[in-house]
PDB file of N, CA and C in Angstrom:
ATOM      1  N   UNK A   1     -27.264 -16.149  80.454  1.00  0.00           N
ATOM      2  CA  UNK A   1     -27.523 -15.143  79.434  1.00  0.00           C
ATOM      3  C   UNK A   1     -28.041 -13.879  80.129  1.00  0.00           C
ATOM      4  N   UNK A   2     -27.408 -12.754  79.894  1.00  0.00           N
ATOM      5  CA  UNK A   2     -27.855 -11.516  80.525  1.00  0.00           C
ATOM      6  C   UNK A   2     -28.923 -10.853  79.672  1.00  0.00           C
ATOM      7  N   UNK A   3     -29.822 -10.155  80.337  1.00  0.00           N
ATOM      8  CA  UNK A   3     -30.866  -9.455  79.612  1.00  0.00           C
ATOM      9  C   UNK A   3     -30.392  -8.057  79.269  1.00  0.00           C
ATOM     10  N   UNK A   4     -30.845  -7.557  78.153  1.00  0.00           N
ATOM     11  CA  UNK A   4     -30.456  -6.218  77.735  1.00  0.00           C
ATOM     12  C   UNK A   4     -31.252  -5.203  78.545  1.00  0.00           C
ATOM     13  N   UNK A   5     -30.573  -4.210  79.088  1.00  0.00           N
ATOM     14  CA  UNK A   5     -31.218  -3.160  79.849  1.00  0.00           C
ATOM     15  C   UNK A   5     -31.631  -2.042  78.899  1.00  0.00           C
ATOM     16  N   UNK A   6     -32.870  -1.571  79.041  1.00  0.00           N
ATOM     17  CA  UNK A   6     -33.366  -0.496  78.193  1.00  0.00           C
ATOM     18  C   UNK A   6     -33.286   0.814  78.947  1.00  0.00           C
ATOM     19  N   UNK A   7     -32.697   1.838  78.340  1.00  0.00           N
ATOM     20  CA  UNK A   7     -32.560   3.167  78.940  1.00  0.00           C
ATOM     21  C   UNK A   7     -33.691   4.046  78.417  1.00  0.00           C
ATOM     22  N   UNK A   8     -34.645   4.367  79.301  1.00  0.00           N
ATOM     23  CA  UNK A   8     -35.758   5.219  78.881  1.00  0.00           C
ATOM     24  C   UNK A   8     -35.308   6.653  78.645  1.00  0.00           C
ATOM     25  N   UNK A   9     -34.284   7.082  79.376  1.00  0.00           N
ATOM     26  CA  UNK A   9     -33.793   8.453  79.220  1.00  0.00           C
ATOM     27  C   UNK A   9     -33.249   8.683  77.817  1.00  0.00           C
ATOM     28  N   UNK A  10     -32.451   7.711  77.298  1.00  0.00           N
ATOM     29  CA  UNK A  10     -31.824   7.871  75.989  1.00  0.00           C
ATOM     30  C   UNK A  10     -32.462   6.993  74.920  1.00  0.00           C
ATOM     31  N   UNK A  11     -33.512   6.266  75.290  1.00  0.00           N
ATOM     32  CA  UNK A  11     -34.279   5.429  74.373  1.00  0.00           C
ATOM     33  C   UNK A  11     -33.398   4.472  73.575  1.00  0.00           C
ATOM     34  N   UNK A  12     -32.622   3.685  74.319  1.00  0.00           N
ATOM     35  CA  UNK A  12     -31.762   2.692  73.673  1.00  0.00           C
ATOM     36  C   UNK A  12     -31.460   1.559  74.653  1.00  0.00           C
ATOM     37  N   UNK A  13     -31.080   0.416  74.120  1.00  0.00           N
ATOM     38  CA  UNK A  13     -30.672  -0.713  74.934  1.00  0.00           C
ATOM     39  C   UNK A  13     -29.211  -0.575  75.302  1.00  0.00           C
ATOM     40  N   UNK A  14     -28.854  -1.057  76.488  1.00  0.00           N
ATOM     41  CA  UNK A  14     -27.470  -1.082  76.960  1.00  0.00           C
ATOM     42  C   UNK A  14     -26.777   0.268  76.826  1.00  0.00           C
ATOM     43  N   UNK A  15     -27.417   1.306  77.283  1.00  0.00           N
ATOM     44  CA  UNK A  15     -26.863   2.660  77.234  1.00  0.00           C
ATOM     45  C   UNK A  15     -25.628   2.737  78.134  1.00  0.00           C
ATOM     46  N   UNK A  16     -24.497   3.054  77.575  1.00  0.00           N
ATOM     47  CA  UNK A  16     -23.257   3.144  78.348  1.00  0.00           C
ATOM     48  C   UNK A  16     -23.312   4.280  79.362  1.00  0.00           C
ATOM     49  N   UNK A  17     -24.023   5.352  79.040  1.00  0.00           N
ATOM     50  CA  UNK A  17     -24.104   6.482  79.964  1.00  0.00           C
ATOM     51  C   UNK A  17     -24.919   6.158  81.206  1.00  0.00           C
ATOM     52  N   UNK A  18     -25.886   5.292  81.088  1.00  0.00           N
ATOM     53  CA  UNK A  18     -26.797   5.019  82.197  1.00  0.00           C
ATOM     54  C   UNK A  18     -26.685   3.593  82.725  1.00  0.00           C
ATOM     55  N   UNK A  19     -25.660   2.881  82.336  1.00  0.00           N
ATOM     56  CA  UNK A  19     -25.491   1.515  82.805  1.00  0.00           C
ATOM     57  C   UNK A  19     -25.373   1.516  84.323  1.00  0.00           C
ATOM     58  N   UNK A  20     -26.011   0.557  84.987  1.00  0.00           N
ATOM     59  CA  UNK A  20     -25.916   0.505  86.446  1.00  0.00           C
ATOM     60  C   UNK A  20     -24.467   0.377  86.895  1.00  0.00           C
ATOM     61  N   UNK A  21     -24.138   1.099  87.934  1.00  0.00           N
ATOM     62  CA  UNK A  21     -22.806   1.018  88.523  1.00  0.00           C
ATOM     63  C   UNK A  21     -22.918   0.228  89.830  1.00  0.00           C
ATOM     64  N   UNK A  22     -21.800  -0.141  90.374  1.00  0.00           N
ATOM     65  CA  UNK A  22     -21.808  -0.821  91.652  1.00  0.00           C
ATOM     66  C   UNK A  22     -22.366   0.120  92.708  1.00  0.00           C
ATOM     67  N   UNK A  23     -23.274  -0.345  93.555  1.00  0.00           N
ATOM     68  CA  UNK A  23     -23.796   0.518  94.617  1.00  0.00           C
ATOM     69  C   UNK A  23     -22.672   0.965  95.533  1.00  0.00           C
ATOM     70  N   UNK A  24     -22.807   2.177  96.031  1.00  0.00           N
ATOM     71  CA  UNK A  24     -21.802   2.724  96.928  1.00  0.00           C
ATOM     72  C   UNK A  24     -22.467   3.063  98.251  1.00  0.00           C
ATOM     73  N   UNK A  25     -21.702   2.985  99.318  1.00  0.00           N
ATOM     74  CA  UNK A  25     -22.239   3.264 100.633  1.00  0.00           C
ATOM     75  C   UNK A  25     -22.367   4.743 100.917  1.00  0.00           C
ATOM     76  N   UNK A  26     -21.646   5.566 100.186  1.00  0.00           N
ATOM     77  CA  UNK A  26     -21.733   7.001 100.407  1.00  0.00           C
ATOM     78  C   UNK A  26     -21.801   7.691  99.058  1.00  0.00           C
ATOM     79  N   UNK A  27     -22.104   8.968  99.098  1.00  0.00           N
ATOM     80  CA  UNK A  27     -22.232   9.726  97.853  1.00  0.00           C
ATOM     81  C   UNK A  27     -20.870   9.858  97.186  1.00  0.00           C
ATOM     82  N   UNK A  28     -20.838   9.811  95.861  1.00  0.00           N
ATOM     83  CA  UNK A  28     -19.595  10.110  95.169  1.00  0.00           C
ATOM     84  C   UNK A  28     -19.182  11.536  95.525  1.00  0.00           C
ATOM     85  N   UNK A  29     -17.904  11.765  95.642  1.00  0.00           N
ATOM     86  CA  UNK A  29     -17.441  13.100  96.006  1.00  0.00           C
ATOM     87  C   UNK A  29     -16.696  13.729  94.852  1.00  0.00           C
ATOM     88  N   UNK A  30     -16.396  15.001  94.970  1.00  0.00           N
ATOM     89  CA  UNK A  30     -15.654  15.708  93.935  1.00  0.00           C
ATOM     90  C   UNK A  30     -16.573  16.300  92.900  1.00  0.00           C
ATOM     91  N   UNK A  31     -16.218  16.115  91.640  1.00  0.00           N
ATOM     92  CA  UNK A  31     -17.025  16.709  90.572  1.00  0.00           C
ATOM     93  C   UNK A  31     -18.129  15.748  90.130  1.00  0.00           C
ATOM     94  N   UNK A  32     -18.924  16.202  89.186  1.00  0.00           N
ATOM     95  CA  UNK A  32     -20.056  15.394  88.735  1.00  0.00           C
ATOM     96  C   UNK A  32     -19.617  14.121  88.031  1.00  0.00           C
ATOM     97  N   UNK A  33     -18.383  14.042  87.562  1.00  0.00           N
ATOM     98  CA  UNK A  33     -17.914  12.861  86.854  1.00  0.00           C
ATOM     99  C   UNK A  33     -17.962  11.595  87.694  1.00  0.00           C
ATOM    100  N   UNK A  34     -17.973  11.738  89.009  1.00  0.00           N
ATOM    101  CA  UNK A  34     -18.021  10.573  89.890  1.00  0.00           C
ATOM    102  C   UNK A  34     -19.429  10.017  90.042  1.00  0.00           C
ATOM    103  N   UNK A  35     -20.444  10.786  89.623  1.00  0.00           N
ATOM    104  CA  UNK A  35     -21.840  10.360  89.765  1.00  0.00           C
ATOM    105  C   UNK A  35     -22.303   9.600  88.525  1.00  0.00           C
ATOM    106  N   UNK A  36     -23.029   8.497  88.706  1.00  0.00           N
ATOM    107  CA  UNK A  36     -23.647   7.833  87.550  1.00  0.00           C
ATOM    108  C   UNK A  36     -24.634   8.795  86.889  1.00  0.00           C
ATOM    109  N   UNK A  37     -24.670   8.819  85.587  1.00  0.00           N
ATOM    110  CA  UNK A  37     -25.541   9.731  84.853  1.00  0.00           C
ATOM    111  C   UNK A  37     -27.010   9.536  85.225  1.00  0.00           C
ATOM    112  N   UNK A  38     -27.411   8.317  85.508  1.00  0.00           N
ATOM    113  CA  UNK A  38     -28.811   8.022  85.792  1.00  0.00           C
ATOM    114  C   UNK A  38     -29.214   8.313  87.234  1.00  0.00           C
ATOM    115  N   UNK A  39     -28.271   8.701  88.095  1.00  0.00           N
ATOM    116  CA  UNK A  39     -28.575   8.933  89.511  1.00  0.00           C
ATOM    117  C   UNK A  39     -29.611  10.041  89.683  1.00  0.00           C
ATOM    118  N   UNK A  40     -30.360   9.962  90.765  1.00  0.00           N
ATOM    119  CA  UNK A  40     -31.307  11.005  91.149  1.00  0.00           C
ATOM    120  C   UNK A  40     -30.967  11.419  92.571  1.00  0.00           C
ATOM    121  N   UNK A  41     -30.795  12.715  92.770  1.00  0.00           N
ATOM    122  CA  UNK A  41     -30.402  13.279  94.060  1.00  0.00           C
ATOM    123  C   UNK A  41     -31.628  13.940  94.675  1.00  0.00           C
ATOM    124  N   UNK A  42     -31.906  13.633  95.933  1.00  0.00           N
ATOM    125  CA  UNK A  42     -33.118  14.107  96.603  1.00  0.00           C
ATOM    126  C   UNK A  42     -32.754  15.113  97.691  1.00  0.00           C
ATOM    127  N   UNK A  43     -33.198  16.344  97.516  1.00  0.00           N
ATOM    128  CA  UNK A  43     -32.955  17.420  98.485  1.00  0.00           C
ATOM    129  C   UNK A  43     -33.968  17.337  99.618  1.00  0.00           C
ATOM    130  N   UNK A  44     -33.654  17.979 100.733  1.00  0.00           N
ATOM    131  CA  UNK A  44     -34.547  17.999 101.896  1.00  0.00           C
ATOM    132  C   UNK A  44     -35.922  18.568 101.563  1.00  0.00           C
ATOM    133  N   UNK A  45     -35.999  19.416 100.532  1.00  0.00           N
ATOM    134  CA  UNK A  45     -37.268  20.031 100.132  1.00  0.00           C
ATOM    135  C   UNK A  45     -38.191  19.068  99.384  1.00  0.00           C
ATOM    136  N   UNK A  46     -37.666  17.886  99.010  1.00  0.00           N
ATOM    137  CA  UNK A  46     -38.453  16.936  98.223  1.00  0.00           C
ATOM    138  C   UNK A  46     -38.253  17.107  96.730  1.00  0.00           C
ATOM    139  N   UNK A  47     -37.356  18.017  96.352  1.00  0.00           N
ATOM    140  CA  UNK A  47     -37.060  18.255  94.938  1.00  0.00           C
ATOM    141  C   UNK A  47     -35.954  17.301  94.499  1.00  0.00           C
ATOM    142  N   UNK A  48     -36.122  16.714  93.319  1.00  0.00           N
ATOM    143  CA  UNK A  48     -35.128  15.800  92.750  1.00  0.00           C
ATOM    144  C   UNK A  48     -34.244  16.553  91.763  1.00  0.00           C
ATOM    145  N   UNK A  49     -32.968  16.220  91.777  1.00  0.00           N
ATOM    146  CA  UNK A  49     -31.984  16.814  90.870  1.00  0.00           C
ATOM    147  C   UNK A  49     -31.214  15.692  90.180  1.00  0.00           C
ATOM    148  N   UNK A  50     -30.636  16.015  89.042  1.00  0.00           N
ATOM    149  CA  UNK A  50     -29.790  15.078  88.307  1.00  0.00           C
ATOM    150  C   UNK A  50     -28.342  15.523  88.404  1.00  0.00           C
ATOM    151  N   UNK A  51     -27.398  14.589  88.262  1.00  0.00           N
ATOM    152  CA  UNK A  51     -25.996  14.984  88.249  1.00  0.00           C
ATOM    153  C   UNK A  51     -25.755  16.056  87.186  1.00  0.00           C
ATOM    154  N   UNK A  52     -25.005  17.088  87.551  1.00  0.00           N
ATOM    155  CA  UNK A  52     -24.733  18.196  86.654  1.00  0.00           C
ATOM    156  C   UNK A  52     -25.585  19.413  86.946  1.00  0.00           C
ATOM    157  N   UNK A  53     -26.558  19.283  87.850  1.00  0.00           N
ATOM    158  CA  UNK A  53     -27.441  20.403  88.179  1.00  0.00           C
ATOM    159  C   UNK A  53     -26.611  21.575  88.707  1.00  0.00           C
ATOM    160  N   UNK A  54     -26.920  22.761  88.198  1.00  0.00           N
ATOM    161  CA  UNK A  54     -26.179  23.958  88.625  1.00  0.00           C
ATOM    162  C   UNK A  54     -26.665  24.493  89.964  1.00  0.00           C
ATOM    163  N   UNK A  55     -27.750  23.933  90.490  1.00  0.00           N
ATOM    164  CA  UNK A  55     -28.282  24.398  91.776  1.00  0.00           C
ATOM    165  C   UNK A  55     -27.570  23.790  92.972  1.00  0.00           C
ATOM    166  N   UNK A  56     -26.831  22.717  92.750  1.00  0.00           N
ATOM    167  CA  UNK A  56     -26.171  22.035  93.857  1.00  0.00           C
ATOM    168  C   UNK A  56     -24.715  21.748  93.508  1.00  0.00           C
ATOM    169  N   UNK A  57     -23.902  21.615  94.554  1.00  0.00           N
ATOM    170  CA  UNK A  57     -22.471  21.334  94.400  1.00  0.00           C
ATOM    171  C   UNK A  57     -22.243  19.890  94.824  1.00  0.00           C
ATOM    172  N   UNK A  58     -21.597  19.090  93.990  1.00  0.00           N
ATOM    173  CA  UNK A  58     -21.436  17.668  94.314  1.00  0.00           C
ATOM    174  C   UNK A  58     -20.841  17.419  95.699  1.00  0.00           C
ATOM    175  N   UNK A  59     -19.876  18.211  96.097  1.00  0.00           N
ATOM    176  CA  UNK A  59     -19.226  17.995  97.393  1.00  0.00           C
ATOM    177  C   UNK A  59     -20.178  18.243  98.569  1.00  0.00           C
ATOM    178  N   UNK A  60     -21.273  18.967  98.349  1.00  0.00           N
ATOM    179  CA  UNK A  60     -22.242  19.254  99.414  1.00  0.00           C
ATOM    180  C   UNK A  60     -23.278  18.152  99.589  1.00  0.00           C
ATOM    181  N   UNK A  61     -23.322  17.215  98.666  1.00  0.00           N
ATOM    182  CA  UNK A  61     -24.364  16.177  98.706  1.00  0.00           C
ATOM    183  C   UNK A  61     -23.960  15.098  99.705  1.00  0.00           C
ATOM    184  N   UNK A  62     -24.593  15.172 100.854  1.00  0.00           N
ATOM    185  CA  UNK A  62     -24.372  14.194 101.911  1.00  0.00           C
ATOM    186  C   UNK A  62     -25.563  14.250 102.866  1.00  0.00           C
ATOM    187  N   UNK A  63     -25.724  13.165 103.602  1.00  0.00           N
ATOM    188  CA  UNK A  63     -26.774  13.131 104.620  1.00  0.00           C
ATOM    189  C   UNK A  63     -26.352  14.105 105.733  1.00  0.00           C
ATOM    190  N   UNK A  64     -27.267  14.715 106.445  1.00  0.00           N
ATOM    191  CA  UNK A  64     -28.702  14.446 106.439  1.00  0.00           C
ATOM    192  C   UNK A  64     -29.489  15.297 105.450  1.00  0.00           C
ATOM    193  N   UNK A  65     -28.856  16.258 104.803  1.00  0.00           N
ATOM    194  CA  UNK A  65     -29.597  17.149 103.907  1.00  0.00           C
ATOM    195  C   UNK A  65     -30.089  16.446 102.655  1.00  0.00           C
ATOM    196  N   UNK A  66     -29.310  15.517 102.139  1.00  0.00           N
ATOM    197  CA  UNK A  66     -29.639  14.844 100.888  1.00  0.00           C
ATOM    198  C   UNK A  66     -29.773  13.340 101.061  1.00  0.00           C
ATOM    199  N   UNK A  67     -30.540  12.768 100.164  1.00  0.00           N
ATOM    200  CA  UNK A  67     -30.575  11.340  99.941  1.00  0.00           C
ATOM    201  C   UNK A  67     -30.380  11.158  98.445  1.00  0.00           C
ATOM    202  N   UNK A  68     -30.139   9.957  97.979  1.00  0.00           N
ATOM    203  CA  UNK A  68     -29.939   9.762  96.546  1.00  0.00           C
ATOM    204  C   UNK A  68     -30.211   8.323  96.159  1.00  0.00           C
ATOM    205  N   UNK A  69     -30.437   8.150  94.877  1.00  0.00           N
ATOM    206  CA  UNK A  69     -30.644   6.832  94.281  1.00  0.00           C
ATOM    207  C   UNK A  69     -29.645   6.752  93.126  1.00  0.00           C
ATOM    208  N   UNK A  70     -28.643   5.899  93.259  1.00  0.00           N
ATOM    209  CA  UNK A  70     -27.618   5.804  92.208  1.00  0.00           C
ATOM    210  C   UNK A  70     -28.103   5.037  90.990  1.00  0.00           C
ATOM    211  N   UNK A  71     -28.978   4.067  91.197  1.00  0.00           N
ATOM    212  CA  UNK A  71     -29.490   3.272  90.067  1.00  0.00           C
ATOM    213  C   UNK A  71     -31.012   3.195  90.152  1.00  0.00           C
ATOM    214  N   UNK A  72     -31.699   4.289  89.782  1.00  0.00           N
ATOM    215  CA  UNK A  72     -33.158   4.273  89.829  1.00  0.00           C
ATOM    216  C   UNK A  72     -33.741   3.327  88.779  1.00  0.00           C
ATOM    217  N   UNK A  73     -34.968   2.912  89.009  1.00  0.00           N
ATOM    218  CA  UNK A  73     -35.644   2.055  88.044  1.00  0.00           C
ATOM    219  C   UNK A  73     -35.946   2.868  86.781  1.00  0.00           C
ATOM    220  N   UNK A  74     -36.051   2.216  85.646  1.00  0.00           N
ATOM    221  CA  UNK A  74     -36.374   2.943  84.414  1.00  0.00           C
ATOM    222  C   UNK A  74     -37.671   3.741  84.570  1.00  0.00           C
ATOM    223  N   UNK A  75     -37.630   4.978  84.124  1.00  0.00           N
ATOM    224  CA  UNK A  75     -38.805   5.830  84.169  1.00  0.00           C
ATOM    225  C   UNK A  75     -39.037   6.529  85.495  1.00  0.00           C
ATOM    226  N   UNK A  76     -38.174   6.301  86.478  1.00  0.00           N
ATOM    227  CA  UNK A  76     -38.370   6.895  87.812  1.00  0.00           C
ATOM    228  C   UNK A  76     -38.423   8.416  87.745  1.00  0.00           C
ATOM    229  N   UNK A  77     -37.588   9.035  86.922  1.00  0.00           N
ATOM    230  CA  UNK A  77     -37.566  10.499  86.823  1.00  0.00           C
ATOM    231  C   UNK A  77     -38.924  11.033  86.356  1.00  0.00           C
ATOM    232  N   UNK A  78     -39.483  10.425  85.339  1.00  0.00           N
ATOM    233  CA  UNK A  78     -40.769  10.887  84.788  1.00  0.00           C
ATOM    234  C   UNK A  78     -41.944  10.610  85.717  1.00  0.00           C
ATOM    235  N   UNK A  79     -41.840   9.588  86.536  1.00  0.00           N
ATOM    236  CA  UNK A  79     -42.937   9.243  87.440  1.00  0.00           C
ATOM    237  C   UNK A  79     -42.995  10.130  88.681  1.00  0.00           C
ATOM    238  N   UNK A  80     -41.946  10.900  88.959  1.00  0.00           N
ATOM    239  CA  UNK A  80     -41.907  11.707  90.187  1.00  0.00           C
ATOM    240  C   UNK A  80     -43.116  12.621  90.310  1.00  0.00           C
ATOM    241  N   UNK A  81     -43.821  12.487  91.418  1.00  0.00           N
ATOM    242  CA  UNK A  81     -45.006  13.296  91.702  1.00  0.00           C
ATOM    243  C   UNK A  81     -45.383  13.043  93.158  1.00  0.00           C
ATOM    244  N   UNK A  82     -46.200  13.924  93.738  1.00  0.00           N
ATOM    245  CA  UNK A  82     -46.649  13.651  95.104  1.00  0.00           C
ATOM    246  C   UNK A  82     -47.330  12.280  95.234  1.00  0.00           C
ATOM    247  N   UNK A  83     -47.986  11.839  94.178  1.00  0.00           N
ATOM    248  CA  UNK A  83     -48.652  10.537  94.207  1.00  0.00           C
ATOM    249  C   UNK A  83     -47.699   9.375  93.921  1.00  0.00           C
ATOM    250  N   UNK A  84     -46.467   9.694  93.465  1.00  0.00           N
ATOM    251  CA  UNK A  84     -45.477   8.669  93.153  1.00  0.00           C
ATOM    252  C   UNK A  84     -44.089   9.147  93.587  1.00  0.00           C
ATOM    253  N   UNK A  85     -43.875   9.247  94.901  1.00  0.00           N
ATOM    254  CA  UNK A  85     -42.586   9.746  95.386  1.00  0.00           C
ATOM    255  C   UNK A  85     -41.464   8.733  95.147  1.00  0.00           C
ATOM    256  N   UNK A  86     -40.244   9.262  95.041  1.00  0.00           N
ATOM    257  CA  UNK A  86     -39.062   8.412  94.911  1.00  0.00           C
ATOM    258  C   UNK A  86     -38.295   8.499  96.225  1.00  0.00           C
ATOM    259  N   UNK A  87     -38.220   7.386  96.940  1.00  0.00           N
ATOM    260  CA  UNK A  87     -37.534   7.347  98.230  1.00  0.00           C
ATOM    261  C   UNK A  87     -36.041   7.099  98.011  1.00  0.00           C
ATOM    262  N   UNK A  88     -35.219   7.857  98.748  1.00  0.00           N
ATOM    263  CA  UNK A  88     -33.766   7.696  98.674  1.00  0.00           C
ATOM    264  C   UNK A  88     -33.370   6.296  99.136  1.00  0.00           C
ATOM    265  N   UNK A  89     -32.388   5.728  98.462  1.00  0.00           N
ATOM    266  CA  UNK A  89     -31.879   4.411  98.836  1.00  0.00           C
ATOM    267  C   UNK A  89     -30.528   4.518  99.526  1.00  0.00           C
ATOM    268  N   UNK A  90     -29.940   5.715  99.497  1.00  0.00           N
ATOM    269  CA  UNK A  90     -28.658   5.968 100.155  1.00  0.00           C
ATOM    270  C   UNK A  90     -28.676   7.380 100.712  1.00  0.00           C
ATOM    271  N   UNK A  91     -27.713   7.678 101.587  1.00  0.00           N
ATOM    272  CA  UNK A  91     -27.702   8.984 102.233  1.00  0.00           C
ATOM    273  C   UNK A  91     -28.800   9.008 103.276  1.00  0.00           C
ATOM    274  N   UNK A  92     -29.574  10.091 103.322  1.00  0.00           N
ATOM    275  CA  UNK A  92     -30.695  10.190 104.250  1.00  0.00           C
ATOM    276  C   UNK A  92     -31.876   9.410 103.672  1.00  0.00           C
ATOM    277  N   UNK A  93     -32.130   8.258 104.235  1.00  0.00           N
ATOM    278  CA  UNK A  93     -33.180   7.368 103.716  1.00  0.00           C
ATOM    279  C   UNK A  93     -34.583   7.888 103.986  1.00  0.00           C
ATOM    280  N   UNK A  94     -34.703   8.936 104.794  1.00  0.00           N
ATOM    281  CA  UNK A  94     -36.012   9.540 105.040  1.00  0.00           C
ATOM    282  C   UNK A  94     -36.406  10.511 103.932  1.00  0.00           C
ATOM    283  N   UNK A  95     -35.505  10.816 103.027  1.00  0.00           N
ATOM    284  CA  UNK A  95     -35.796  11.760 101.941  1.00  0.00           C
ATOM    285  C   UNK A  95     -36.606  11.062 100.857  1.00  0.00           C
ATOM    286  N   UNK A  96     -37.599  11.795 100.346  1.00  0.00           N
ATOM    287  CA  UNK A  96     -38.402  11.296  99.230  1.00  0.00           C
ATOM    288  C   UNK A  96     -38.642  12.465  98.282  1.00  0.00           C
ATOM    289  N   UNK A  97     -38.381  12.257  97.010  1.00  0.00           N
ATOM    290  CA  UNK A  97     -38.604  13.294  95.996  1.00  0.00           C
ATOM    291  C   UNK A  97     -40.045  13.222  95.517  1.00  0.00           C
ATOM    292  N   UNK A  98     -40.674  14.400  95.417  1.00  0.00           N
ATOM    293  CA  UNK A  98     -42.049  14.472  94.924  1.00  0.00           C
ATOM    294  C   UNK A  98     -42.173  15.435  93.747  1.00  0.00           C
ATOM    295  N   UNK A  99     -41.051  16.106  93.401  1.00  0.00           N
ATOM    296  CA  UNK A  99     -41.052  17.021  92.256  1.00  0.00           C
ATOM    297  C   UNK A  99     -39.659  17.041  91.637  1.00  0.00           C
ATOM    298  N   UNK A 100     -39.588  17.520  90.393  1.00  0.00           N
ATOM    299  CA  UNK A 100     -38.331  17.564  89.653  1.00  0.00           C
ATOM    300  C   UNK A 100     -37.813  18.998  89.565  1.00  0.00           C
ATOM    301  N   UNK A 101     -36.511  19.159  89.646  1.00  0.00           N
ATOM    302  CA  UNK A 101     -35.874  20.447  89.400  1.00  0.00           C
ATOM    303  C   UNK A 101     -36.194  20.837  87.951  1.00  0.00           C
ATOM    304  N   UNK A 102     -36.693  22.045  87.749  1.00  0.00           N
ATOM    305  CA  UNK A 102     -37.075  22.469  86.388  1.00  0.00           C
ATOM    306  C   UNK A 102     -35.871  22.534  85.458  1.00  0.00           C
ATOM    307  N   UNK A 103     -34.729  22.958  85.960  1.00  0.00           N
ATOM    308  CA  UNK A 103     -33.521  23.013  85.117  1.00  0.00           C
ATOM    309  C   UNK A 103     -33.091  21.621  84.701  1.00  0.00           C
ATOM    310  N   UNK A 104     -33.103  20.696  85.628  1.00  0.00           N
ATOM    311  CA  UNK A 104     -32.735  19.310  85.312  1.00  0.00           C
ATOM    312  C   UNK A 104     -33.738  18.700  84.348  1.00  0.00           C
ATOM    313  N   UNK A 105     -35.016  18.980  84.573  1.00  0.00           N
ATOM    314  CA  UNK A 105     -36.067  18.416  83.729  1.00  0.00           C
ATOM    315  C   UNK A 105     -35.938  18.916  82.297  1.00  0.00           C
ATOM    316  N   UNK A 106     -35.484  20.146  82.133  1.00  0.00           N
ATOM    317  CA  UNK A 106     -35.332  20.727  80.793  1.00  0.00           C
ATOM    318  C   UNK A 106     -34.261  20.004  79.988  1.00  0.00           C
ATOM    319  N   UNK A 107     -33.345  19.310  80.662  1.00  0.00           N
ATOM    320  CA  UNK A 107     -32.290  18.599  79.945  1.00  0.00           C
ATOM    321  C   UNK A 107     -32.736  17.231  79.480  1.00  0.00           C
ATOM    322  N   UNK A 108     -33.917  16.804  79.891  1.00  0.00           N
ATOM    323  CA  UNK A 108     -34.371  15.432  79.598  1.00  0.00           C
ATOM    324  C   UNK A 108     -35.234  15.379  78.367  1.00  0.00           C
TER     325      UNK A 108
END
């Protein structure tokens, strides 16, 4: 029996937009459609971005400048802070987000 996944971003169970995808060894390329909606992208500055951010181009997201988390834990976006960094799980694993992009945050 599978457990229902709760999406904190959209406040619903089994959210199709944020359902976990198969982990990938490299960043999705091309347009934002290749990125899972729930992914968090970590810039070298420590700023976190969401797919669709106008500050970055999907084709530019690659190590060593970026790291990313394709399937973050629920609430990871809201917890981002210097006291609660989000470490990249793919790309540049040395990247850790400590703040949120204001434009991305405004969409949440």
